[in-house]
């Protein structure tokens, strides 16, 4: 029974990481109606920046905050320089840009920081016995950090004028322009916020899986599965889906398919959702007359 609870708590911890990346994917999808395939590579690049700051002598949480700010700026620059000119481009052209970003970030990360696997420090104590051995301090701490981020993001979009303007620009850009909202900058801020959330996810997962330029490849697949499961157009649903995928992955990996085939579970979830409920559990089904 203790092993079962450990798998559940560990699944919730990793699910929090998936939820963060899924939320970032949904934010970009709501703004552009495209999936940012480079989200994981951008998060990895940000995590390397954090490691460089820590190795330069910065305290962990100061490096954490600085990395979030730098990642936000990178997201805004990408939207203004690359994605804004592609606003009226065909879907396949935008997909090509996302794939190009993935390859560029992966290559630049390896070129600057090397392709060797590195250990990333955890800000939480290394106590072996925590919560009865069901979860490690870092797993609990990463879950709490993720929940705090999710609450802040919810409050930002629900109770601030800037957050409401960003939501309006994503849902109805034409009407938003008519009431004076600068839609272009709202989309840029959305990209920046998504990049910052991805950076937090990268810094929380790096102590678990170790740091290398391809660290987030599998995590992005799990996050995409969580976003589809909860609803690719529903931020809260994507978060719930991310946590659910984390628990499913751990339990099925431990008791059903084994650790070698855990990644295939994400593919199974994606295919099943697309076949049986394309809108996701909490997504909206939009019907239009043709």
C-alpha atoms as a PDB file:
ATOM      1  CA  UNK A   1       0.000   0.000   0.000  1.00  0.00           C
ATOM      2  CA  UNK A   2       2.856   2.386   0.765  1.00  0.00           C
ATOM      3  CA  UNK A   3       4.298   1.768  -2.705  1.00  0.00           C
ATOM      4  CA  UNK A   4       0.897   2.571  -4.233  1.00  0.00           C
ATOM      5  CA  UNK A   5       0.644   5.849  -2.334  1.00  0.00           C
ATOM      6  CA  UNK A   6       4.193   6.701  -3.342  1.00  0.00           C
ATOM      7  CA  UNK A   7       3.290   6.194  -7.005  1.00  0.00           C
ATOM      8  CA  UNK A   8       0.184   8.384  -6.618  1.00  0.00           C
ATOM      9  CA  UNK A   9       2.021  11.226  -4.851  1.00  0.00           C
ATOM     10  CA  UNK A  10       4.905  11.005  -7.299  1.00  0.00           C
ATOM     11  CA  UNK A  11       2.400  11.053 -10.165  1.00  0.00           C
ATOM     12  CA  UNK A  12       0.790  14.189  -8.756  1.00  0.00           C
ATOM     13  CA  UNK A  13       4.232  15.830  -8.545  1.00  0.00           C
ATOM     14  CA  UNK A  14       5.187  15.009 -12.126  1.00  0.00           C
ATOM     15  CA  UNK A  15       1.629  15.792 -13.190  1.00  0.00           C
ATOM     16  CA  UNK A  16       2.140  19.295 -11.845  1.00  0.00           C
ATOM     17  CA  UNK A  17       5.021  19.713 -14.290  1.00  0.00           C
ATOM     18  CA  UNK A  18       2.860  18.409 -17.123  1.00  0.00           C
ATOM     19  CA  UNK A  19       0.086  20.765 -16.011  1.00  0.00           C
ATOM     20  CA  UNK A  20       2.422  23.775 -16.219  1.00  0.00           C
ATOM     21  CA  UNK A  21       3.580  22.907 -19.731  1.00  0.00           C
ATOM     22  CA  UNK A  22       0.009  22.048 -20.764  1.00  0.00           C
ATOM     23  CA  UNK A  23      -1.131  25.457 -19.521  1.00  0.00           C
ATOM     24  CA  UNK A  24       1.597  27.125 -21.589  1.00  0.00           C
ATOM     25  CA  UNK A  25       0.503  25.148 -24.653  1.00  0.00           C
ATOM     26  CA  UNK A  26      -3.129  26.155 -24.137  1.00  0.00           C
ATOM     27  CA  UNK A  27      -2.238  29.823 -23.733  1.00  0.00           C
ATOM     28  CA  UNK A  28      -0.439  29.854 -27.081  1.00  0.00           C
ATOM     29  CA  UNK A  29      -3.194  27.784 -28.697  1.00  0.00           C
ATOM     30  CA  UNK A  30      -5.872  30.223 -27.543  1.00  0.00           C
ATOM     31  CA  UNK A  31      -3.907  33.136 -28.996  1.00  0.00           C
ATOM     32  CA  UNK A  32      -2.844  31.579 -32.310  1.00  0.00           C
ATOM     33  CA  UNK A  33      -4.893  28.334 -32.631  1.00  0.00           C
ATOM     34  CA  UNK A  34      -1.594  26.501 -33.128  1.00  0.00           C
ATOM     35  CA  UNK A  35       0.386  24.176 -30.848  1.00  0.00           C
ATOM     36  CA  UNK A  36       3.875  25.427 -30.027  1.00  0.00           C
ATOM     37  CA  UNK A  37       6.037  22.350 -30.617  1.00  0.00           C
ATOM     38  CA  UNK A  38       9.093  24.299 -29.384  1.00  0.00           C
ATOM     39  CA  UNK A  39       7.649  24.878 -25.897  1.00  0.00           C
ATOM     40  CA  UNK A  40       9.773  22.145 -24.318  1.00  0.00           C
ATOM     41  CA  UNK A  41      13.004  23.270 -25.992  1.00  0.00           C
ATOM     42  CA  UNK A  42      12.380  26.856 -24.895  1.00  0.00           C
ATOM     43  CA  UNK A  43      11.902  25.639 -21.321  1.00  0.00           C
ATOM     44  CA  UNK A  44      15.133  23.648 -21.514  1.00  0.00           C
ATOM     45  CA  UNK A  45      17.063  26.683 -22.759  1.00  0.00           C
ATOM     46  CA  UNK A  46      15.670  28.718 -19.856  1.00  0.00           C
ATOM     47  CA  UNK A  47      16.689  26.016 -17.381  1.00  0.00           C
ATOM     48  CA  UNK A  48      20.265  26.156 -18.669  1.00  0.00           C
ATOM     49  CA  UNK A  49      20.208  29.918 -18.111  1.00  0.00           C
ATOM     50  CA  UNK A  50      19.140  29.290 -14.509  1.00  0.00           C
ATOM     51  CA  UNK A  51      21.964  26.778 -14.037  1.00  0.00           C
ATOM     52  CA  UNK A  52      24.494  29.257 -15.449  1.00  0.00           C
ATOM     53  CA  UNK A  53      23.302  31.927 -12.999  1.00  0.00           C
ATOM     54  CA  UNK A  54      23.480  29.507 -10.048  1.00  0.00           C
ATOM     55  CA  UNK A  55      26.990  28.427 -11.016  1.00  0.00           C
ATOM     56  CA  UNK A  56      27.943  32.116 -11.273  1.00  0.00           C
ATOM     57  CA  UNK A  57      27.075  32.528  -7.590  1.00  0.00           C
ATOM     58  CA  UNK A  58      23.460  33.704  -7.664  1.00  0.00           C
ATOM     59  CA  UNK A  59      21.193  32.380  -4.882  1.00  0.00           C
ATOM     60  CA  UNK A  60      18.725  29.818  -6.221  1.00  0.00           C
ATOM     61  CA  UNK A  61      15.555  31.877  -5.893  1.00  0.00           C
ATOM     62  CA  UNK A  62      17.207  34.993  -7.338  1.00  0.00           C
ATOM     63  CA  UNK A  63      18.344  32.924 -10.332  1.00  0.00           C
ATOM     64  CA  UNK A  64      14.813  31.488 -10.483  1.00  0.00           C
ATOM     65  CA  UNK A  65      13.271  34.968 -10.691  1.00  0.00           C
ATOM     66  CA  UNK A  66      15.868  36.240 -13.183  1.00  0.00           C
ATOM     67  CA  UNK A  67      15.257  33.236 -15.430  1.00  0.00           C
ATOM     68  CA  UNK A  68      11.522  33.867 -15.432  1.00  0.00           C
ATOM     69  CA  UNK A  69      12.110  37.478 -16.499  1.00  0.00           C
ATOM     70  CA  UNK A  70      14.556  36.479 -19.260  1.00  0.00           C
ATOM     71  CA  UNK A  71      12.206  33.740 -20.488  1.00  0.00           C
ATOM     72  CA  UNK A  72       9.311  36.194 -20.583  1.00  0.00           C
ATOM     73  CA  UNK A  73      11.395  38.543 -22.721  1.00  0.00           C
ATOM     74  CA  UNK A  74      12.382  35.692 -25.064  1.00  0.00           C
ATOM     75  CA  UNK A  75       8.728  34.755 -25.553  1.00  0.00           C
ATOM     76  CA  UNK A  76       7.755  38.357 -26.354  1.00  0.00           C
ATOM     77  CA  UNK A  77      10.630  38.709 -28.844  1.00  0.00           C
ATOM     78  CA  UNK A  78       9.684  35.466 -30.614  1.00  0.00           C
ATOM     79  CA  UNK A  79       6.111  36.644 -31.049  1.00  0.00           C
ATOM     80  CA  UNK A  80       7.069  40.109 -32.289  1.00  0.00           C
ATOM     81  CA  UNK A  81       9.884  38.999 -34.614  1.00  0.00           C
ATOM     82  CA  UNK A  82       8.756  35.591 -35.907  1.00  0.00           C
ATOM     83  CA  UNK A  83       5.079  34.972 -35.261  1.00  0.00           C
ATOM     84  CA  UNK A  84       3.593  38.399 -35.915  1.00  0.00           C
ATOM     85  CA  UNK A  85       4.614  38.369 -39.621  1.00  0.00           C
ATOM     86  CA  UNK A  86       3.042  34.886 -39.831  1.00  0.00           C
ATOM     87  CA  UNK A  87      -0.359  36.043 -38.564  1.00  0.00           C
ATOM     88  CA  UNK A  88      -2.045  35.642 -41.955  1.00  0.00           C
ATOM     89  CA  UNK A  89       0.128  32.767 -43.174  1.00  0.00           C
ATOM     90  CA  UNK A  90      -1.266  29.265 -43.875  1.00  0.00           C
ATOM     91  CA  UNK A  91      -1.384  26.783 -41.022  1.00  0.00           C
ATOM     92  CA  UNK A  92       1.437  24.645 -42.412  1.00  0.00           C
ATOM     93  CA  UNK A  93       3.714  27.683 -42.590  1.00  0.00           C
ATOM     94  CA  UNK A  94       3.200  28.358 -38.880  1.00  0.00           C
ATOM     95  CA  UNK A  95       3.782  24.688 -38.073  1.00  0.00           C
ATOM     96  CA  UNK A  96       7.042  24.889 -39.994  1.00  0.00           C
ATOM     97  CA  UNK A  97       8.100  27.890 -37.895  1.00  0.00           C
ATOM     98  CA  UNK A  98       7.365  25.996 -34.668  1.00  0.00           C
ATOM     99  CA  UNK A  99       9.381  22.989 -35.814  1.00  0.00           C
ATOM    100  CA  UNK A 100      12.193  25.311 -36.874  1.00  0.00           C
ATOM    101  CA  UNK A 101      12.144  26.933 -33.431  1.00  0.00           C
ATOM    102  CA  UNK A 102      12.370  23.486 -31.831  1.00  0.00           C
ATOM    103  CA  UNK A 103      15.469  22.589 -33.845  1.00  0.00           C
ATOM    104  CA  UNK A 104      17.068  25.995 -33.345  1.00  0.00           C
ATOM    105  CA  UNK A 105      16.614  26.033 -29.571  1.00  0.00           C
ATOM    106  CA  UNK A 106      17.830  22.446 -29.265  1.00  0.00           C
ATOM    107  CA  UNK A 107      20.949  23.140 -31.328  1.00  0.00           C
ATOM    108  CA  UNK A 108      21.726  26.497 -29.731  1.00  0.00           C
ATOM    109  CA  UNK A 109      21.336  25.006 -26.255  1.00  0.00           C
ATOM    110  CA  UNK A 110      23.807  22.231 -27.048  1.00  0.00           C
ATOM    111  CA  UNK A 111      26.188  24.661 -28.763  1.00  0.00           C
ATOM    112  CA  UNK A 112      26.278  27.111 -25.844  1.00  0.00           C
ATOM    113  CA  UNK A 113      25.955  24.791 -22.849  1.00  0.00           C
ATOM    114  CA  UNK A 114      27.227  21.459 -24.334  1.00  0.00           C
ATOM    115  CA  UNK A 115      25.304  18.224 -24.799  1.00  0.00           C
ATOM    116  CA  UNK A 116      26.577  16.578 -21.616  1.00  0.00           C
ATOM    117  CA  UNK A 117      24.078  15.610 -18.925  1.00  0.00           C
ATOM    118  CA  UNK A 118      24.245  17.920 -15.912  1.00  0.00           C
ATOM    119  CA  UNK A 119      22.791  17.826 -12.418  1.00  0.00           C
ATOM    120  CA  UNK A 120      20.450  20.660 -11.515  1.00  0.00           C
ATOM    121  CA  UNK A 121      20.155  21.658  -7.838  1.00  0.00           C
ATOM    122  CA  UNK A 122      16.901  21.466  -5.936  1.00  0.00           C
ATOM    123  CA  UNK A 123      15.927  24.317  -3.600  1.00  0.00           C
ATOM    124  CA  UNK A 124      14.247  21.906  -1.226  1.00  0.00           C
ATOM    125  CA  UNK A 125      15.958  19.902   1.567  1.00  0.00           C
ATOM    126  CA  UNK A 126      17.296  16.446   0.745  1.00  0.00           C
ATOM    127  CA  UNK A 127      15.439  14.627   3.502  1.00  0.00           C
ATOM    128  CA  UNK A 128      14.998  10.950   2.724  1.00  0.00           C
ATOM    129  CA  UNK A 129      11.895  10.496   4.877  1.00  0.00           C
ATOM    130  CA  UNK A 130       9.072  12.880   4.007  1.00  0.00           C
ATOM    131  CA  UNK A 131       5.323  12.320   4.276  1.00  0.00           C
ATOM    132  CA  UNK A 132       5.977   8.789   5.442  1.00  0.00           C
ATOM    133  CA  UNK A 133       8.213   8.096   2.450  1.00  0.00           C
ATOM    134  CA  UNK A 134       5.341   8.584   0.000  1.00  0.00           C
ATOM    135  CA  UNK A 135       6.952  11.568  -1.707  1.00  0.00           C
ATOM    136  CA  UNK A 136      10.329  13.296  -1.709  1.00  0.00           C
ATOM    137  CA  UNK A 137      10.715  16.919  -0.542  1.00  0.00           C
ATOM    138  CA  UNK A 138      11.405  18.034  -4.100  1.00  0.00           C
ATOM    139  CA  UNK A 139       8.263  16.325  -5.410  1.00  0.00           C
ATOM    140  CA  UNK A 140       6.142  18.058  -2.772  1.00  0.00           C
ATOM    141  CA  UNK A 141       7.922  21.380  -3.275  1.00  0.00           C
ATOM    142  CA  UNK A 142       7.589  21.225  -7.066  1.00  0.00           C
ATOM    143  CA  UNK A 143       3.871  20.477  -6.707  1.00  0.00           C
ATOM    144  CA  UNK A 144       3.401  23.452  -4.376  1.00  0.00           C
ATOM    145  CA  UNK A 145       5.329  25.758  -6.720  1.00  0.00           C
ATOM    146  CA  UNK A 146       3.190  24.585  -9.636  1.00  0.00           C
ATOM    147  CA  UNK A 147      -0.036  25.139  -7.697  1.00  0.00           C
ATOM    148  CA  UNK A 148       1.072  28.636  -6.665  1.00  0.00           C
ATOM    149  CA  UNK A 149       1.852  29.466 -10.305  1.00  0.00           C
ATOM    150  CA  UNK A 150      -1.522  28.132 -11.441  1.00  0.00           C
ATOM    151  CA  UNK A 151      -3.373  30.172  -8.793  1.00  0.00           C
ATOM    152  CA  UNK A 152      -1.464  33.325  -9.762  1.00  0.00           C
ATOM    153  CA  UNK A 153      -2.209  32.774 -13.440  1.00  0.00           C
ATOM    154  CA  UNK A 154      -5.896  32.192 -12.687  1.00  0.00           C
ATOM    155  CA  UNK A 155      -6.056  35.348 -10.572  1.00  0.00           C
ATOM    156  CA  UNK A 156      -4.248  37.331 -13.257  1.00  0.00           C
ATOM    157  CA  UNK A 157      -6.679  36.337 -16.001  1.00  0.00           C
ATOM    158  CA  UNK A 158      -9.753  36.535 -13.793  1.00  0.00           C
ATOM    159  CA  UNK A 159      -9.278  39.722 -11.761  1.00  0.00           C
ATOM    160  CA  UNK A 160      -6.853  42.068 -13.567  1.00  0.00           C
ATOM    161  CA  UNK A 161      -7.624  44.403 -16.469  1.00  0.00           C
ATOM    162  CA  UNK A 162      -4.550  43.259 -18.381  1.00  0.00           C
ATOM    163  CA  UNK A 163      -5.510  39.609 -17.962  1.00  0.00           C
ATOM    164  CA  UNK A 164      -9.068  40.275 -19.109  1.00  0.00           C
ATOM    165  CA  UNK A 165      -7.716  42.185 -22.114  1.00  0.00           C
ATOM    166  CA  UNK A 166      -5.480  39.243 -23.027  1.00  0.00           C
ATOM    167  CA  UNK A 167      -8.439  36.852 -22.799  1.00  0.00           C
ATOM    168  CA  UNK A 168     -10.560  39.140 -24.960  1.00  0.00           C
ATOM    169  CA  UNK A 169      -7.788  39.462 -27.561  1.00  0.00           C
ATOM    170  CA  UNK A 170      -7.453  35.677 -27.730  1.00  0.00           C
ATOM    171  CA  UNK A 171     -11.188  34.969 -28.049  1.00  0.00           C
ATOM    172  CA  UNK A 172     -12.271  37.824 -30.316  1.00  0.00           C
ATOM    173  CA  UNK A 173      -9.457  39.979 -31.711  1.00  0.00           C
ATOM    174  CA  UNK A 174     -11.741  41.987 -34.038  1.00  0.00           C
ATOM    175  CA  UNK A 175     -14.081  43.154 -31.276  1.00  0.00           C
ATOM    176  CA  UNK A 176     -11.116  43.749 -28.981  1.00  0.00           C
ATOM    177  CA  UNK A 177      -9.576  46.173 -31.461  1.00  0.00           C
ATOM    178  CA  UNK A 178     -12.868  48.052 -31.651  1.00  0.00           C
ATOM    179  CA  UNK A 179     -12.775  48.751 -27.895  1.00  0.00           C
ATOM    180  CA  UNK A 180      -9.153  49.908 -27.953  1.00  0.00           C
ATOM    181  CA  UNK A 181      -7.262  46.762 -26.939  1.00  0.00           C
ATOM    182  CA  UNK A 182      -3.859  46.444 -28.600  1.00  0.00           C
ATOM    183  CA  UNK A 183      -4.315  42.873 -29.753  1.00  0.00           C
ATOM    184  CA  UNK A 184      -0.773  42.482 -31.099  1.00  0.00           C
ATOM    185  CA  UNK A 185       0.808  43.325 -27.767  1.00  0.00           C
ATOM    186  CA  UNK A 186      -1.687  41.150 -25.896  1.00  0.00           C
ATOM    187  CA  UNK A 187      -0.599  38.178 -27.993  1.00  0.00           C
ATOM    188  CA  UNK A 188       3.053  39.037 -27.363  1.00  0.00           C
ATOM    189  CA  UNK A 189       2.421  39.144 -23.604  1.00  0.00           C
ATOM    190  CA  UNK A 190       0.676  35.777 -23.887  1.00  0.00           C
ATOM    191  CA  UNK A 191       3.769  34.314 -25.532  1.00  0.00           C
ATOM    192  CA  UNK A 192       5.947  35.815 -22.827  1.00  0.00           C
ATOM    193  CA  UNK A 193       3.773  34.416 -20.055  1.00  0.00           C
ATOM    194  CA  UNK A 194       3.741  30.969 -21.681  1.00  0.00           C
ATOM    195  CA  UNK A 195       7.551  31.027 -21.964  1.00  0.00           C
ATOM    196  CA  UNK A 196       7.867  32.037 -18.298  1.00  0.00           C
ATOM    197  CA  UNK A 197       5.546  29.222 -17.161  1.00  0.00           C
ATOM    198  CA  UNK A 198       7.500  26.757 -19.273  1.00  0.00           C
ATOM    199  CA  UNK A 199      10.734  27.945 -17.644  1.00  0.00           C
ATOM    200  CA  UNK A 200       9.289  27.275 -14.188  1.00  0.00           C
ATOM    201  CA  UNK A 201       8.308  23.772 -15.285  1.00  0.00           C
ATOM    202  CA  UNK A 202      11.816  23.171 -16.624  1.00  0.00           C
ATOM    203  CA  UNK A 203      13.474  24.288 -13.392  1.00  0.00           C
ATOM    204  CA  UNK A 204      11.175  22.074 -11.347  1.00  0.00           C
ATOM    205  CA  UNK A 205      11.668  18.940 -13.459  1.00  0.00           C
ATOM    206  CA  UNK A 206      15.434  19.258 -14.040  1.00  0.00           C
ATOM    207  CA  UNK A 207      16.448  17.951 -10.569  1.00  0.00           C
ATOM    208  CA  UNK A 208      14.382  14.811 -11.245  1.00  0.00           C
ATOM    209  CA  UNK A 209      15.399  13.891 -14.793  1.00  0.00           C
ATOM    210  CA  UNK A 210      18.779  15.713 -14.981  1.00  0.00           C
ATOM    211  CA  UNK A 211      19.521  18.438 -17.486  1.00  0.00           C
ATOM    212  CA  UNK A 212      20.374  17.939 -21.153  1.00  0.00           C
ATOM    213  CA  UNK A 213      19.233  19.716 -24.360  1.00  0.00           C
ATOM    214  CA  UNK A 214      16.502  17.123 -25.016  1.00  0.00           C
ATOM    215  CA  UNK A 215      15.255  17.023 -21.409  1.00  0.00           C
ATOM    216  CA  UNK A 216      11.713  18.229 -22.165  1.00  0.00           C
ATOM    217  CA  UNK A 217      11.014  16.151 -25.282  1.00  0.00           C
ATOM    218  CA  UNK A 218       9.098  13.399 -23.513  1.00  0.00           C
ATOM    219  CA  UNK A 219       7.573  15.844 -21.028  1.00  0.00           C
ATOM    220  CA  UNK A 220       6.127  17.901 -23.884  1.00  0.00           C
ATOM    221  CA  UNK A 221       4.390  14.775 -25.195  1.00  0.00           C
ATOM    222  CA  UNK A 222       2.851  14.070 -21.768  1.00  0.00           C
ATOM    223  CA  UNK A 223       1.835  17.733 -21.455  1.00  0.00           C
ATOM    224  CA  UNK A 224       0.214  17.652 -24.892  1.00  0.00           C
ATOM    225  CA  UNK A 225      -1.700  14.524 -23.850  1.00  0.00           C
ATOM    226  CA  UNK A 226      -2.844  16.315 -20.692  1.00  0.00           C
ATOM    227  CA  UNK A 227      -3.916  19.398 -22.646  1.00  0.00           C
ATOM    228  CA  UNK A 228      -5.953  17.271 -25.075  1.00  0.00           C
ATOM    229  CA  UNK A 229      -7.448  15.192 -22.268  1.00  0.00           C
ATOM    230  CA  UNK A 230      -8.628  18.238 -20.315  1.00  0.00           C
ATOM    231  CA  UNK A 231      -9.442  20.375 -23.347  1.00  0.00           C
ATOM    232  CA  UNK A 232      -6.989  22.218 -25.552  1.00  0.00           C
ATOM    233  CA  UNK A 233      -9.131  25.383 -25.334  1.00  0.00           C
ATOM    234  CA  UNK A 234      -9.706  25.190 -21.568  1.00  0.00           C
ATOM    235  CA  UNK A 235      -6.810  26.281 -19.271  1.00  0.00           C
ATOM    236  CA  UNK A 236      -8.304  24.726 -16.133  1.00  0.00           C
ATOM    237  CA  UNK A 237      -9.123  21.525 -17.991  1.00  0.00           C
ATOM    238  CA  UNK A 238      -5.560  21.327 -19.330  1.00  0.00           C
ATOM    239  CA  UNK A 239      -4.216  21.662 -15.781  1.00  0.00           C
ATOM    240  CA  UNK A 240      -6.494  18.896 -14.495  1.00  0.00           C
ATOM    241  CA  UNK A 241      -5.549  16.779 -17.508  1.00  0.00           C
ATOM    242  CA  UNK A 242      -1.845  17.293 -16.772  1.00  0.00           C
ATOM    243  CA  UNK A 243      -2.232  16.060 -13.201  1.00  0.00           C
ATOM    244  CA  UNK A 244      -4.343  13.119 -14.406  1.00  0.00           C
ATOM    245  CA  UNK A 245      -1.738  12.099 -16.977  1.00  0.00           C
ATOM    246  CA  UNK A 246       0.981  12.222 -14.301  1.00  0.00           C
ATOM    247  CA  UNK A 247      -0.929   9.833 -12.037  1.00  0.00           C
ATOM    248  CA  UNK A 248      -1.923   7.537 -14.930  1.00  0.00           C
ATOM    249  CA  UNK A 249       1.669   7.408 -16.162  1.00  0.00           C
ATOM    250  CA  UNK A 250       3.070   6.440 -12.761  1.00  0.00           C
ATOM    251  CA  UNK A 251       0.439   3.845 -11.921  1.00  0.00           C
ATOM    252  CA  UNK A 252       0.414   2.223 -15.359  1.00  0.00           C
ATOM    253  CA  UNK A 253       4.213   2.343 -15.556  1.00  0.00           C
ATOM    254  CA  UNK A 254       4.560   0.647 -12.199  1.00  0.00           C
ATOM    255  CA  UNK A 255       1.785  -1.948 -12.420  1.00  0.00           C
ATOM    256  CA  UNK A 256       0.736  -2.418 -16.064  1.00  0.00           C
ATOM    257  CA  UNK A 257       3.186  -1.711 -18.888  1.00  0.00           C
ATOM    258  CA  UNK A 258       6.472  -1.215 -17.039  1.00  0.00           C
ATOM    259  CA  UNK A 259       8.823   1.788 -17.113  1.00  0.00           C
ATOM    260  CA  UNK A 260      10.101   1.030 -20.632  1.00  0.00           C
ATOM    261  CA  UNK A 261       6.699   1.635 -22.249  1.00  0.00           C
ATOM    262  CA  UNK A 262       5.456   4.558 -20.171  1.00  0.00           C
ATOM    263  CA  UNK A 263       5.928   7.040 -22.995  1.00  0.00           C
ATOM    264  CA  UNK A 264       3.543   5.068 -25.199  1.00  0.00           C
ATOM    265  CA  UNK A 265       0.774   5.832 -22.701  1.00  0.00           C
ATOM    266  CA  UNK A 266       0.865   9.465 -23.788  1.00  0.00           C
ATOM    267  CA  UNK A 267       0.382   8.387 -27.402  1.00  0.00           C
ATOM    268  CA  UNK A 268      -2.485   6.096 -26.398  1.00  0.00           C
ATOM    269  CA  UNK A 269      -4.181   8.947 -24.498  1.00  0.00           C
ATOM    270  CA  UNK A 270      -3.743  11.336 -27.441  1.00  0.00           C
ATOM    271  CA  UNK A 271      -5.179   8.861 -29.949  1.00  0.00           C
ATOM    272  CA  UNK A 272      -8.061   7.873 -27.659  1.00  0.00           C
ATOM    273  CA  UNK A 273      -9.053  11.487 -26.997  1.00  0.00           C
ATOM    274  CA  UNK A 274      -8.893  12.424 -30.672  1.00  0.00           C
ATOM    275  CA  UNK A 275     -11.063   9.436 -31.610  1.00  0.00           C
ATOM    276  CA  UNK A 276     -13.679   9.437 -28.833  1.00  0.00           C
ATOM    277  CA  UNK A 277     -13.768  13.011 -27.461  1.00  0.00           C
ATOM    278  CA  UNK A 278     -11.764  15.468 -29.568  1.00  0.00           C
ATOM    279  CA  UNK A 279     -12.833  18.461 -27.468  1.00  0.00           C
ATOM    280  CA  UNK A 280     -11.463  16.878 -24.288  1.00  0.00           C
ATOM    281  CA  UNK A 281     -13.249  16.340 -20.996  1.00  0.00           C
ATOM    282  CA  UNK A 282     -13.711  20.032 -20.207  1.00  0.00           C
ATOM    283  CA  UNK A 283     -13.411  21.470 -23.718  1.00  0.00           C
ATOM    284  CA  UNK A 284     -16.200  23.156 -25.630  1.00  0.00           C
ATOM    285  CA  UNK A 285     -17.752  21.554 -28.690  1.00  0.00           C
ATOM    286  CA  UNK A 286     -18.267  24.287 -31.296  1.00  0.00           C
ATOM    287  CA  UNK A 287     -20.778  23.514 -34.026  1.00  0.00           C
ATOM    288  CA  UNK A 288     -20.986  25.770 -37.055  1.00  0.00           C
ATOM    289  CA  UNK A 289     -23.316  25.618 -40.036  1.00  0.00           C
ATOM    290  CA  UNK A 290     -21.489  25.276 -43.348  1.00  0.00           C
END
